Structure formats: C-alpha cells, structure tokens
C-alpha cells in the first residue's frame, strides 16, 4: 500500500473503478467520492463561487445612501410644510371667529321705526386673535365693518341692512409678513 499523493495514472485508475457517485450543490454533474483529483476540482469550484458572492460595491453603497438621504429630506420637508399649514389654519380659524363676533354684535342691534342701533356699531376695531400665547407672540387683527341700507321693494317700502365684516390678520413666515383677510357678510331685516 502506498502512502502519499496519487499520481495522475493512479487517480485515473481510481476514478475508473466503480465508486459511489453523488451530486454536489455546486455543480450538477456526477463526482466520484473520496478522490484526490475531485477534491482539488471541488476546492477550485468553491473558490470560484465565493468570488462571485461578495458584498456591495462602494458605488452601490453611495447610491443607497444618496437615495435614503433624499427620502429623509423629503419626509422632513413635508413635516415642516405640514406644521406651517397647521399654524396658518389656526390663524385663519381665529380670524374667522373674530369676524363672526363682530357680526353677532350687529345681529343684536335693534332696528325699528323709532331708532337704529346699527349706527352705534364700531366701524374699525382691533383685537387679539384667540391663539395660544407664549411670551410676546401676541397676534393682533383688525376688523373693518361696512353697514349699508338697501331697498328690496318699493310698493311697500322694505329695507334691509347689509353688514360686511373684513378681518385682516398678519402671518409671519421666513422674515416676511403676509396679510390675509377673512370676510363675513349678512343681511338684517327690521324688527
């Protein structure tokens, strides 16, 4: 019996004998079990297959980071824009409430043949918007009231009062002041 590596001739004789065959996971062809030539061949195949299965390249990692940065930048920008819109909606709702208060005052005015309380309405008022206040962030708005008398019918003389309230309020964003106006109008008949 010989101890040591097999020569090429001995390896061919060993592979020509009837040895059990098996299928490897790397290649789908029959391989003789326990032969030195096949073990060298399998080692080469394993090395080749490991070379094909590697981690990401630097270009792929950079592209992935760029995509994630763009995605997070868009998400943060959307949250900031949503916060600005929520703040603007709060200002708008507070200004609408202030205009409705002025219109409710006009609704309580008595108007009949003896006297007209619509002449007692203040035509310009300034008030604080009903917003959460923290320190010096008080926001003032101005109400402009227009009261006109309109004749609806002349066969019996029918008159109505038209009351229009314009509330002008400021909105500060990025060091610029934008002015918005909320308008409410209603008709009132004599009592």
N, C-alpha and C. Protein backbone atom coordinates (compact mmCIF):
# COMPACT_ATOMS: atom_id res chain seq x y z
N UNK A 1 0.83 -1.16 0.00
CA UNK A 1 0.00 0.00 0.00
C UNK A 1 0.88 1.23 0.00
N UNK A 2 0.51 2.23 -0.80
CA UNK A 2 1.32 3.43 -0.97
C UNK A 2 0.72 4.55 -0.14
N UNK A 3 1.59 5.28 0.57
CA UNK A 3 1.15 6.42 1.36
C UNK A 3 1.68 7.66 0.67
N UNK A 4 0.81 8.68 0.51
CA UNK A 4 1.22 9.92 -0.14
C UNK A 4 0.25 10.26 -1.25
N UNK A 5 0.57 11.30 -1.98
CA UNK A 5 -0.36 11.73 -3.03
C UNK A 5 -0.38 10.76 -4.20
N UNK A 6 -1.53 10.67 -4.84
CA UNK A 6 -1.70 9.79 -6.00
C UNK A 6 -1.13 10.45 -7.24
N UNK A 7 -0.55 9.65 -8.10
CA UNK A 7 -0.10 10.17 -9.39
C UNK A 7 -1.30 10.26 -10.31
N UNK A 8 -1.13 10.89 -11.49
CA UNK A 8 -2.24 11.04 -12.43
C UNK A 8 -2.76 9.69 -12.89
N UNK A 9 -1.87 8.75 -13.10
CA UNK A 9 -2.27 7.42 -13.56
C UNK A 9 -3.09 6.73 -12.48
N UNK A 10 -2.61 6.81 -11.25
CA UNK A 10 -3.33 6.18 -10.15
C UNK A 10 -4.70 6.84 -9.96
N UNK A 11 -4.78 8.14 -10.15
CA UNK A 11 -6.06 8.83 -9.99
C UNK A 11 -7.03 8.40 -11.08
N UNK A 12 -6.52 8.19 -12.32
CA UNK A 12 -7.42 7.74 -13.39
C UNK A 12 -7.91 6.33 -13.12
N UNK A 13 -7.03 5.47 -12.62
CA UNK A 13 -7.46 4.11 -12.29
C UNK A 13 -8.50 4.13 -11.17
N UNK A 14 -8.27 4.99 -10.19
CA UNK A 14 -9.21 5.05 -9.07
C UNK A 14 -10.56 5.56 -9.53
N UNK A 15 -10.57 6.52 -10.45
CA UNK A 15 -11.86 7.06 -10.91
C UNK A 15 -12.55 6.11 -11.87
N UNK A 16 -11.78 5.18 -12.53
CA UNK A 16 -12.41 4.25 -13.46
C UNK A 16 -13.09 3.09 -12.73
N UNK A 17 -12.69 2.81 -11.52
CA UNK A 17 -13.35 1.76 -10.77
C UNK A 17 -14.75 2.21 -10.39
N UNK A 18 -15.55 1.29 -10.00
CA UNK A 18 -16.92 1.65 -9.66
C UNK A 18 -16.98 2.21 -8.24
N UNK A 19 -16.94 3.52 -8.15
CA UNK A 19 -17.08 4.21 -6.87
C UNK A 19 -18.49 4.80 -6.78
N UNK A 20 -18.97 4.98 -5.58
CA UNK A 20 -20.30 5.61 -5.47
C UNK A 20 -20.26 7.05 -5.97
N UNK A 21 -21.32 7.45 -6.65
CA UNK A 21 -21.40 8.82 -7.19
C UNK A 21 -22.38 9.64 -6.37
N UNK A 22 -22.14 10.94 -6.34
CA UNK A 22 -23.07 11.85 -5.67
C UNK A 22 -23.12 13.15 -6.48
N UNK A 23 -24.17 13.91 -6.24
CA UNK A 23 -24.32 15.21 -6.88
C UNK A 23 -23.97 16.29 -5.87
N UNK A 24 -23.13 17.23 -6.26
CA UNK A 24 -22.77 18.31 -5.34
C UNK A 24 -23.72 19.47 -5.52
N UNK A 25 -23.73 20.37 -4.58
CA UNK A 25 -24.58 21.54 -4.67
C UNK A 25 -24.00 22.57 -5.62
N UNK A 26 -22.70 22.50 -5.86
CA UNK A 26 -22.07 23.50 -6.71
C UNK A 26 -22.34 23.20 -8.17
N UNK A 27 -22.09 22.01 -8.59
CA UNK A 27 -22.30 21.62 -9.99
C UNK A 27 -23.22 20.43 -10.01
N UNK A 28 -24.04 20.35 -11.00
CA UNK A 28 -24.99 19.24 -11.11
C UNK A 28 -24.44 18.18 -12.05
N UNK A 29 -23.26 17.67 -11.76
CA UNK A 29 -22.71 16.57 -12.55
C UNK A 29 -22.14 15.53 -11.57
N UNK A 30 -22.08 14.29 -11.95
CA UNK A 30 -21.63 13.27 -11.02
C UNK A 30 -20.16 13.46 -10.66
N UNK A 31 -19.86 13.27 -9.38
CA UNK A 31 -18.49 13.41 -8.88
C UNK A 31 -18.17 12.17 -8.08
N UNK A 32 -17.00 11.62 -8.31
CA UNK A 32 -16.59 10.44 -7.56
C UNK A 32 -16.23 10.84 -6.15
N UNK A 33 -16.64 10.04 -5.19
CA UNK A 33 -16.41 10.35 -3.79
C UNK A 33 -15.01 9.91 -3.40
N UNK A 34 -14.37 10.76 -2.60
CA UNK A 34 -13.07 10.45 -1.99
C UNK A 34 -11.95 10.27 -3.00
N UNK A 35 -11.89 11.05 -4.02
CA UNK A 35 -10.73 11.01 -4.92
C UNK A 35 -9.98 12.31 -4.79
N UNK A 36 -8.71 12.27 -4.91
CA UNK A 36 -7.87 13.45 -4.72
C UNK A 36 -8.08 14.47 -5.83
N UNK A 37 -8.26 14.00 -7.07
CA UNK A 37 -8.45 14.93 -8.20
C UNK A 37 -9.75 15.70 -8.04
N UNK A 38 -10.78 14.99 -7.60
CA UNK A 38 -12.06 15.66 -7.44
C UNK A 38 -12.04 16.64 -6.28
N UNK A 39 -11.30 16.36 -5.23
CA UNK A 39 -11.23 17.30 -4.11
C UNK A 39 -10.53 18.58 -4.53
N UNK A 40 -9.47 18.47 -5.40
CA UNK A 40 -8.82 19.67 -5.91
C UNK A 40 -9.79 20.46 -6.79
N UNK A 41 -10.55 19.74 -7.60
CA UNK A 41 -11.52 20.37 -8.50
C UNK A 41 -12.61 21.06 -7.70
N UNK A 42 -13.11 20.39 -6.64
CA UNK A 42 -14.15 20.98 -5.79
C UNK A 42 -13.64 22.23 -5.09
N UNK A 43 -12.39 22.20 -4.60
CA UNK A 43 -11.82 23.38 -3.95
C UNK A 43 -11.76 24.56 -4.91
N UNK A 44 -11.40 24.30 -6.18
CA UNK A 44 -11.33 25.37 -7.17
C UNK A 44 -12.72 25.92 -7.46
N UNK A 45 -13.71 25.02 -7.55
CA UNK A 45 -15.09 25.48 -7.79
C UNK A 45 -15.62 26.31 -6.63
N UNK A 46 -15.31 25.89 -5.40
CA UNK A 46 -15.77 26.64 -4.23
C UNK A 46 -15.14 28.01 -4.21
N UNK A 47 -13.84 28.10 -4.54
CA UNK A 47 -13.19 29.40 -4.57
C UNK A 47 -13.80 30.28 -5.65
N UNK A 48 -14.10 29.69 -6.82
CA UNK A 48 -14.73 30.47 -7.89
C UNK A 48 -16.10 30.96 -7.46
N UNK A 49 -16.88 30.12 -6.79
CA UNK A 49 -18.23 30.52 -6.40
C UNK A 49 -18.19 31.58 -5.30
N UNK A 50 -17.21 31.52 -4.39
CA UNK A 50 -17.09 32.54 -3.36
C UNK A 50 -16.69 33.88 -3.96
N UNK A 51 -15.93 33.88 -5.02
CA UNK A 51 -15.55 35.11 -5.67
C UNK A 51 -16.78 35.81 -6.26
N UNK A 52 -17.76 35.06 -6.73
CA UNK A 52 -18.96 35.65 -7.33
C UNK A 52 -19.93 36.17 -6.28
N UNK A 53 -19.87 35.68 -5.04
CA UNK A 53 -20.78 36.11 -3.99
C UNK A 53 -20.02 37.02 -3.04
N UNK A 54 -20.08 38.31 -3.30
CA UNK A 54 -19.37 39.27 -2.46
C UNK A 54 -20.36 40.29 -1.93
N UNK A 55 -19.89 41.22 -1.12
CA UNK A 55 -20.71 42.27 -0.55
C UNK A 55 -20.96 43.36 -1.59
N UNK A 56 -21.61 44.44 -1.17
CA UNK A 56 -21.91 45.54 -2.06
C UNK A 56 -20.63 46.27 -2.45
N UNK A 57 -20.66 46.87 -3.63
CA UNK A 57 -19.53 47.68 -4.05
C UNK A 57 -19.69 49.08 -3.46
N UNK A 58 -18.64 49.87 -3.52
CA UNK A 58 -18.68 51.22 -2.98
C UNK A 58 -19.71 52.08 -3.71
N UNK A 59 -19.82 51.91 -5.01
CA UNK A 59 -20.79 52.69 -5.80
C UNK A 59 -22.22 52.35 -5.36
N UNK A 60 -22.49 51.09 -5.11
CA UNK A 60 -23.83 50.71 -4.66
C UNK A 60 -24.15 51.29 -3.29
N UNK A 61 -23.17 51.29 -2.39
CA UNK A 61 -23.39 51.84 -1.05
C UNK A 61 -23.62 53.35 -1.13
N UNK A 62 -22.86 54.05 -1.96
CA UNK A 62 -23.02 55.50 -2.10
C UNK A 62 -24.40 55.82 -2.69
N UNK A 63 -24.83 55.07 -3.69
CA UNK A 63 -26.15 55.30 -4.28
C UNK A 63 -27.26 55.03 -3.26
N UNK A 64 -27.09 54.01 -2.46
CA UNK A 64 -28.09 53.70 -1.43
C UNK A 64 -28.18 54.82 -0.40
N UNK A 65 -27.04 55.33 0.03
CA UNK A 65 -27.03 56.44 0.99
C UNK A 65 -27.66 57.68 0.39
N UNK A 66 -27.38 57.94 -0.90
CA UNK A 66 -27.98 59.11 -1.57
C UNK A 66 -29.49 58.98 -1.65
N UNK A 67 -29.99 57.81 -1.97
CA UNK A 67 -31.44 57.59 -2.05
C UNK A 67 -32.09 57.76 -0.68
N UNK A 68 -31.47 57.21 0.36
CA UNK A 68 -32.01 57.34 1.72
C UNK A 68 -31.98 58.80 2.16
N UNK A 69 -30.92 59.54 1.84
CA UNK A 69 -30.84 60.96 2.20
C UNK A 69 -31.93 61.76 1.51
N UNK A 70 -32.16 61.50 0.23
CA UNK A 70 -33.24 62.19 -0.48
C UNK A 70 -34.60 61.87 0.12
N UNK A 71 -34.79 60.62 0.48
CA UNK A 71 -36.08 60.21 1.05
C UNK A 71 -36.31 60.90 2.40
N UNK A 72 -35.30 60.89 3.28
CA UNK A 72 -35.46 61.54 4.58
C UNK A 72 -35.57 63.05 4.44
N UNK A 73 -34.87 63.64 3.49
CA UNK A 73 -35.02 65.07 3.23
C UNK A 73 -36.43 65.42 2.83
N UNK A 74 -37.04 64.60 1.97
CA UNK A 74 -38.42 64.84 1.57
C UNK A 74 -39.39 64.67 2.73
N UNK A 75 -39.16 63.69 3.57
CA UNK A 75 -40.04 63.47 4.73
C UNK A 75 -39.96 64.65 5.69
N UNK A 76 -38.75 65.12 5.97
CA UNK A 76 -38.59 66.25 6.89
C UNK A 76 -39.21 67.51 6.30
N UNK A 77 -39.01 67.75 5.01
CA UNK A 77 -39.62 68.92 4.36
C UNK A 77 -41.14 68.85 4.42
N UNK A 78 -41.70 67.66 4.25
CA UNK A 78 -43.16 67.51 4.32
C UNK A 78 -43.68 67.79 5.73
N UNK A 79 -42.94 67.35 6.76
CA UNK A 79 -43.36 67.64 8.13
C UNK A 79 -43.31 69.13 8.43
N UNK A 80 -42.28 69.81 7.95
CA UNK A 80 -42.16 71.25 8.18
C UNK A 80 -43.29 71.98 7.47
N UNK A 81 -43.58 71.61 6.22
CA UNK A 81 -44.67 72.25 5.48
C UNK A 81 -46.01 71.99 6.17
N UNK A 82 -46.19 70.79 6.69
CA UNK A 82 -47.43 70.47 7.42
C UNK A 82 -47.57 71.31 8.68
N UNK A 83 -46.46 71.58 9.37
CA UNK A 83 -46.51 72.43 10.56
C UNK A 83 -46.88 73.87 10.19
N UNK A 84 -46.32 74.37 9.08
CA UNK A 84 -46.69 75.72 8.62
C UNK A 84 -48.17 75.80 8.26
N UNK A 85 -48.67 74.79 7.58
CA UNK A 85 -50.09 74.81 7.18
C UNK A 85 -51.00 74.71 8.41
N UNK A 86 -50.60 73.93 9.40
CA UNK A 86 -51.41 73.83 10.63
C UNK A 86 -51.42 75.17 11.37
N UNK A 87 -50.28 75.85 11.41
CA UNK A 87 -50.23 77.17 12.05
C UNK A 87 -51.11 78.17 11.30
N UNK A 88 -51.04 78.17 9.98
CA UNK A 88 -51.86 79.07 9.18
C UNK A 88 -53.35 78.77 9.39
N UNK A 89 -53.70 77.51 9.47
CA UNK A 89 -55.11 77.15 9.68
C UNK A 89 -55.60 77.64 11.04
N UNK A 90 -54.75 77.59 12.06
CA UNK A 90 -55.12 78.12 13.37
C UNK A 90 -55.36 79.62 13.33
N UNK A 91 -54.49 80.35 12.64
CA UNK A 91 -54.67 81.80 12.50
C UNK A 91 -55.96 82.10 11.74
N UNK A 92 -56.20 81.36 10.67
CA UNK A 92 -57.39 81.59 9.85
C UNK A 92 -58.66 81.34 10.66
N UNK A 93 -58.69 80.28 11.43
CA UNK A 93 -59.87 79.97 12.25
C UNK A 93 -60.09 81.02 13.33
N UNK A 94 -59.01 81.51 13.95
CA UNK A 94 -59.15 82.55 14.96
C UNK A 94 -59.66 83.85 14.34
N UNK A 95 -59.20 84.19 13.14
CA UNK A 95 -59.67 85.41 12.46
C UNK A 95 -61.14 85.26 12.06
N UNK A 96 -61.53 84.08 11.62
CA UNK A 96 -62.94 83.85 11.26
C UNK A 96 -63.83 84.00 12.49
N UNK A 97 -63.36 83.51 13.63
CA UNK A 97 -64.10 83.64 14.87
C UNK A 97 -64.24 85.09 15.28
N UNK A 98 -63.19 85.89 15.09
CA UNK A 98 -63.24 87.31 15.41
C UNK A 98 -64.23 88.04 14.50
N UNK A 99 -64.27 87.70 13.22
CA UNK A 99 -65.23 88.31 12.30
C UNK A 99 -66.66 87.93 12.68
N UNK A 100 -66.86 86.68 13.09
CA UNK A 100 -68.21 86.25 13.49
C UNK A 100 -68.66 86.96 14.76
N UNK A 101 -67.73 87.26 15.68
CA UNK A 101 -68.10 88.01 16.89
C UNK A 101 -68.64 89.39 16.51
N UNK A 102 -68.00 90.04 15.57
CA UNK A 102 -68.45 91.37 15.14
C UNK A 102 -69.81 91.27 14.46
N UNK A 103 -70.03 90.23 13.68
CA UNK A 103 -71.32 90.04 13.02
C UNK A 103 -72.42 89.74 14.04
N UNK A 104 -72.09 89.02 15.10
CA UNK A 104 -73.06 88.75 16.17
C UNK A 104 -73.44 90.03 16.90
N UNK A 105 -72.51 90.95 17.05
CA UNK A 105 -72.85 92.24 17.64
C UNK A 105 -73.85 92.99 16.77
N UNK A 106 -73.68 92.91 15.45
CA UNK A 106 -74.63 93.55 14.55
C UNK A 106 -75.99 92.87 14.62
N UNK A 107 -75.98 91.57 14.86
CA UNK A 107 -77.25 90.83 14.95
C UNK A 107 -78.06 91.26 16.17
N UNK A 108 -77.42 91.70 17.24
CA UNK A 108 -78.13 92.11 18.45
C UNK A 108 -78.61 93.56 18.39
N UNK A 109 -78.23 94.27 17.35
CA UNK A 109 -78.65 95.68 17.24
C UNK A 109 -80.14 95.76 16.95
N UNK A 110 -80.80 96.69 17.62
CA UNK A 110 -82.23 96.89 17.41
C UNK A 110 -82.42 97.89 16.27
N UNK A 111 -83.33 97.52 15.35
CA UNK A 111 -83.60 98.41 14.22
C UNK A 111 -85.10 98.37 13.96
N UNK A 112 -85.77 99.45 14.29
CA UNK A 112 -87.20 99.59 14.01
C UNK A 112 -87.46 101.04 13.62
N UNK A 113 -88.75 101.42 13.58
CA UNK A 113 -89.10 102.78 13.12
C UNK A 113 -88.66 103.85 14.10
N UNK A 114 -88.52 103.49 15.38
CA UNK A 114 -88.19 104.51 16.38
C UNK A 114 -86.69 104.81 16.44
N UNK A 115 -85.85 103.80 16.38
CA UNK A 115 -84.41 104.07 16.44
C UNK A 115 -83.60 102.97 15.70
N UNK A 116 -82.36 103.32 15.38
CA UNK A 116 -81.47 102.44 14.61
C UNK A 116 -80.16 102.29 15.36
N UNK A 117 -79.92 101.10 15.94
CA UNK A 117 -78.68 100.86 16.68
C UNK A 117 -77.52 100.44 15.78
N UNK A 118 -77.77 100.26 14.50
CA UNK A 118 -76.67 99.92 13.59
C UNK A 118 -75.68 101.08 13.46
N UNK A 119 -76.16 102.28 13.77
CA UNK A 119 -75.24 103.43 13.73
C UNK A 119 -74.28 103.42 14.90
N UNK A 120 -74.56 102.61 15.92
CA UNK A 120 -73.67 102.53 17.08
C UNK A 120 -72.54 101.52 16.89
N UNK A 121 -72.56 100.75 15.81
CA UNK A 121 -71.50 99.76 15.58
C UNK A 121 -70.19 100.47 15.29
N UNK A 122 -69.13 99.94 15.88
CA UNK A 122 -67.80 100.48 15.59
C UNK A 122 -67.37 99.99 14.21
N UNK A 123 -66.91 100.90 13.38
CA UNK A 123 -66.57 100.54 12.00
C UNK A 123 -65.14 100.00 11.87
N UNK A 124 -64.33 100.21 12.90
CA UNK A 124 -62.98 99.66 12.88
C UNK A 124 -62.58 99.31 14.30
N UNK A 125 -62.23 98.04 14.51
CA UNK A 125 -61.79 97.59 15.83
C UNK A 125 -60.53 96.74 15.67
N UNK A 126 -59.77 96.69 16.74
CA UNK A 126 -58.58 95.86 16.76
C UNK A 126 -58.68 94.93 17.96
N UNK A 127 -58.31 93.67 17.77
CA UNK A 127 -58.42 92.69 18.85
C UNK A 127 -57.30 91.66 18.70
N UNK A 128 -57.10 90.91 19.76
CA UNK A 128 -56.09 89.86 19.78
C UNK A 128 -56.73 88.58 19.27
N UNK A 129 -56.04 87.90 18.36
CA UNK A 129 -56.56 86.62 17.88
C UNK A 129 -56.51 85.59 19.01
N UNK A 130 -57.50 84.74 19.04
CA UNK A 130 -57.62 83.73 20.09
C UNK A 130 -56.70 82.55 19.77
N UNK A 131 -55.40 82.76 20.04
CA UNK A 131 -54.38 81.75 19.79
C UNK A 131 -53.61 81.49 21.08
N UNK A 132 -52.95 80.34 21.19
CA UNK A 132 -52.10 80.13 22.37
C UNK A 132 -50.97 81.17 22.41
N UNK A 133 -50.80 81.79 23.57
CA UNK A 133 -49.80 82.86 23.71
C UNK A 133 -48.69 82.35 24.60
N UNK A 134 -47.46 82.55 24.13
CA UNK A 134 -46.29 82.17 24.89
C UNK A 134 -45.29 83.31 24.79
N UNK A 135 -45.22 84.13 25.82
CA UNK A 135 -44.30 85.26 25.79
C UNK A 135 -44.88 86.43 25.01
N UNK A 136 -44.17 86.83 23.95
CA UNK A 136 -44.57 88.02 23.19
C UNK A 136 -45.14 87.68 21.82
N UNK A 137 -45.68 86.50 21.63
CA UNK A 137 -46.20 86.14 20.31
C UNK A 137 -47.69 86.47 20.16
N UNK A 138 -48.10 87.62 20.67
CA UNK A 138 -49.48 88.07 20.55
C UNK A 138 -49.72 88.53 19.12
N UNK A 139 -50.82 88.08 18.52
CA UNK A 139 -51.15 88.45 17.14
C UNK A 139 -52.42 89.29 17.15
N UNK A 140 -52.32 90.50 16.61
CA UNK A 140 -53.46 91.40 16.55
C UNK A 140 -54.09 91.34 15.17
N UNK A 141 -55.41 91.48 15.14
CA UNK A 141 -56.15 91.54 13.88
C UNK A 141 -57.05 92.77 13.92
N UNK A 142 -57.41 93.26 12.75
CA UNK A 142 -58.26 94.45 12.65
C UNK A 142 -59.54 94.09 11.92
N UNK A 143 -60.67 94.52 12.50
CA UNK A 143 -61.98 94.33 11.87
C UNK A 143 -62.41 95.63 11.21
N UNK A 144 -62.82 95.54 9.96
CA UNK A 144 -63.39 96.66 9.24
C UNK A 144 -64.85 96.31 8.95
N UNK A 145 -65.78 97.16 9.43
CA UNK A 145 -67.20 96.88 9.31
C UNK A 145 -67.80 97.87 8.31
N UNK A 146 -68.60 97.35 7.40
CA UNK A 146 -69.31 98.17 6.42
C UNK A 146 -70.80 97.90 6.60
N UNK A 147 -71.59 98.95 6.86
CA UNK A 147 -73.03 98.82 7.03
C UNK A 147 -73.70 99.69 5.97
N UNK A 148 -74.54 99.08 5.14
CA UNK A 148 -75.30 99.82 4.13
C UNK A 148 -76.77 99.45 4.22
N UNK A 149 -77.63 100.37 3.83
CA UNK A 149 -79.07 100.13 3.81
C UNK A 149 -79.47 99.93 2.36
N UNK A 150 -80.15 98.84 2.08
CA UNK A 150 -80.59 98.52 0.72
C UNK A 150 -82.11 98.41 0.68
N UNK A 151 -82.71 98.94 -0.38
CA UNK A 151 -84.15 98.85 -0.55
C UNK A 151 -84.46 97.61 -1.40
N UNK A 152 -85.27 96.73 -0.83
CA UNK A 152 -85.60 95.49 -1.52
C UNK A 152 -86.86 95.67 -2.37
N UNK A 153 -87.84 96.38 -1.85
CA UNK A 153 -89.11 96.56 -2.56
C UNK A 153 -89.57 98.00 -2.39
N UNK A 154 -90.32 98.50 -3.40
CA UNK A 154 -90.80 99.88 -3.31
C UNK A 154 -92.31 99.97 -3.15
N UNK A 155 -93.07 98.90 -3.51
CA UNK A 155 -94.53 99.01 -3.35
C UNK A 155 -94.88 99.05 -1.87
N UNK A 156 -94.57 98.09 -1.05
CA UNK A 156 -94.39 98.52 0.33
C UNK A 156 -92.88 98.74 0.49
N UNK A 157 -92.50 99.79 1.12
CA UNK A 157 -91.07 100.08 1.29
C UNK A 157 -90.45 99.06 2.27
N UNK A 158 -89.58 98.22 1.71
CA UNK A 158 -88.90 97.22 2.52
C UNK A 158 -87.40 97.48 2.40
N UNK A 159 -86.77 97.66 3.55
CA UNK A 159 -85.34 97.92 3.59
C UNK A 159 -84.65 96.80 4.37
N UNK A 160 -83.42 96.54 4.00
CA UNK A 160 -82.58 95.60 4.75
C UNK A 160 -81.22 96.26 4.97
N UNK A 161 -80.57 95.83 6.04
CA UNK A 161 -79.22 96.31 6.32
C UNK A 161 -78.23 95.22 5.89
N UNK A 162 -77.23 95.64 5.14
CA UNK A 162 -76.17 94.75 4.71
C UNK A 162 -74.96 95.05 5.59
N UNK A 163 -74.48 94.02 6.32
CA UNK A 163 -73.33 94.19 7.20
C UNK A 163 -72.23 93.26 6.70
N UNK A 164 -71.08 93.88 6.41
CA UNK A 164 -69.93 93.11 5.95
C UNK A 164 -68.76 93.39 6.89
N UNK A 165 -68.14 92.31 7.37
CA UNK A 165 -67.01 92.42 8.28
C UNK A 165 -65.78 91.82 7.61
N UNK A 166 -64.73 92.63 7.48
CA UNK A 166 -63.44 92.16 6.95
C UNK A 166 -62.45 92.13 8.10
N UNK A 167 -61.88 90.97 8.35
CA UNK A 167 -60.87 90.82 9.39
C UNK A 167 -59.52 90.62 8.71
N UNK A 168 -58.60 91.55 8.95
CA UNK A 168 -57.26 91.50 8.35
C UNK A 168 -56.30 91.05 9.45
N UNK A 169 -55.53 90.01 9.13
CA UNK A 169 -54.60 89.45 10.13
C UNK A 169 -53.27 89.14 9.48
N UNK A 170 -52.16 89.28 10.23
CA UNK A 170 -50.83 89.03 9.67
C UNK A 170 -50.39 87.59 9.91
N UNK A 171 -49.57 87.11 9.00
CA UNK A 171 -48.97 85.78 9.15
C UNK A 171 -47.49 85.94 8.82
N UNK A 172 -46.64 85.67 9.79
CA UNK A 172 -45.20 85.83 9.63
C UNK A 172 -44.60 84.49 9.28
N UNK A 173 -43.85 84.49 8.16
CA UNK A 173 -43.15 83.28 7.75
C UNK A 173 -41.87 83.67 7.02
N UNK A 174 -40.76 83.13 7.49
CA UNK A 174 -39.44 83.37 6.89
C UNK A 174 -39.14 84.87 6.79
N UNK A 175 -39.30 85.57 7.88
CA UNK A 175 -38.98 87.01 7.98
C UNK A 175 -39.78 87.88 7.03
N UNK A 176 -40.92 87.44 6.58
CA UNK A 176 -41.80 88.29 5.78
C UNK A 176 -43.21 88.21 6.37
N UNK A 177 -43.91 89.32 6.30
CA UNK A 177 -45.26 89.39 6.86
C UNK A 177 -46.25 89.36 5.70
N UNK A 178 -47.14 88.39 5.74
CA UNK A 178 -48.21 88.29 4.74
C UNK A 178 -49.52 88.62 5.42
N UNK A 179 -50.34 89.43 4.76
CA UNK A 179 -51.63 89.83 5.33
C UNK A 179 -52.75 89.08 4.61
N UNK A 180 -53.65 88.52 5.40
CA UNK A 180 -54.80 87.79 4.87
C UNK A 180 -56.06 88.46 5.38
N UNK A 181 -57.16 88.25 4.66
CA UNK A 181 -58.44 88.85 5.02
C UNK A 181 -59.53 87.78 5.04
N UNK A 182 -60.26 87.73 6.13
CA UNK A 182 -61.45 86.88 6.22
C UNK A 182 -62.67 87.80 6.14
N UNK A 183 -63.64 87.43 5.34
CA UNK A 183 -64.82 88.27 5.12
C UNK A 183 -66.08 87.50 5.48
N UNK A 184 -66.96 88.16 6.24
CA UNK A 184 -68.26 87.60 6.60
C UNK A 184 -69.29 88.67 6.31
N UNK A 185 -70.42 88.28 5.72
CA UNK A 185 -71.46 89.26 5.41
C UNK A 185 -72.83 88.64 5.70
N UNK A 186 -73.80 89.53 6.02
CA UNK A 186 -75.16 89.06 6.30
C UNK A 186 -76.13 90.21 6.08
N UNK A 187 -77.40 89.86 5.86
CA UNK A 187 -78.48 90.84 5.71
C UNK A 187 -79.34 90.78 6.96
N UNK A 188 -79.83 91.97 7.40
CA UNK A 188 -80.70 92.05 8.56
C UNK A 188 -81.95 92.82 8.18
N UNK A 189 -83.09 92.32 8.60
CA UNK A 189 -84.37 92.99 8.34
C UNK A 189 -84.80 93.76 9.61
N UNK A 190 -85.71 94.71 9.46
CA UNK A 190 -86.17 95.44 10.65
C UNK A 190 -86.89 94.51 11.63
N UNK A 191 -86.89 94.89 12.91
CA UNK A 191 -87.51 94.06 13.94
C UNK A 191 -89.00 94.02 13.82
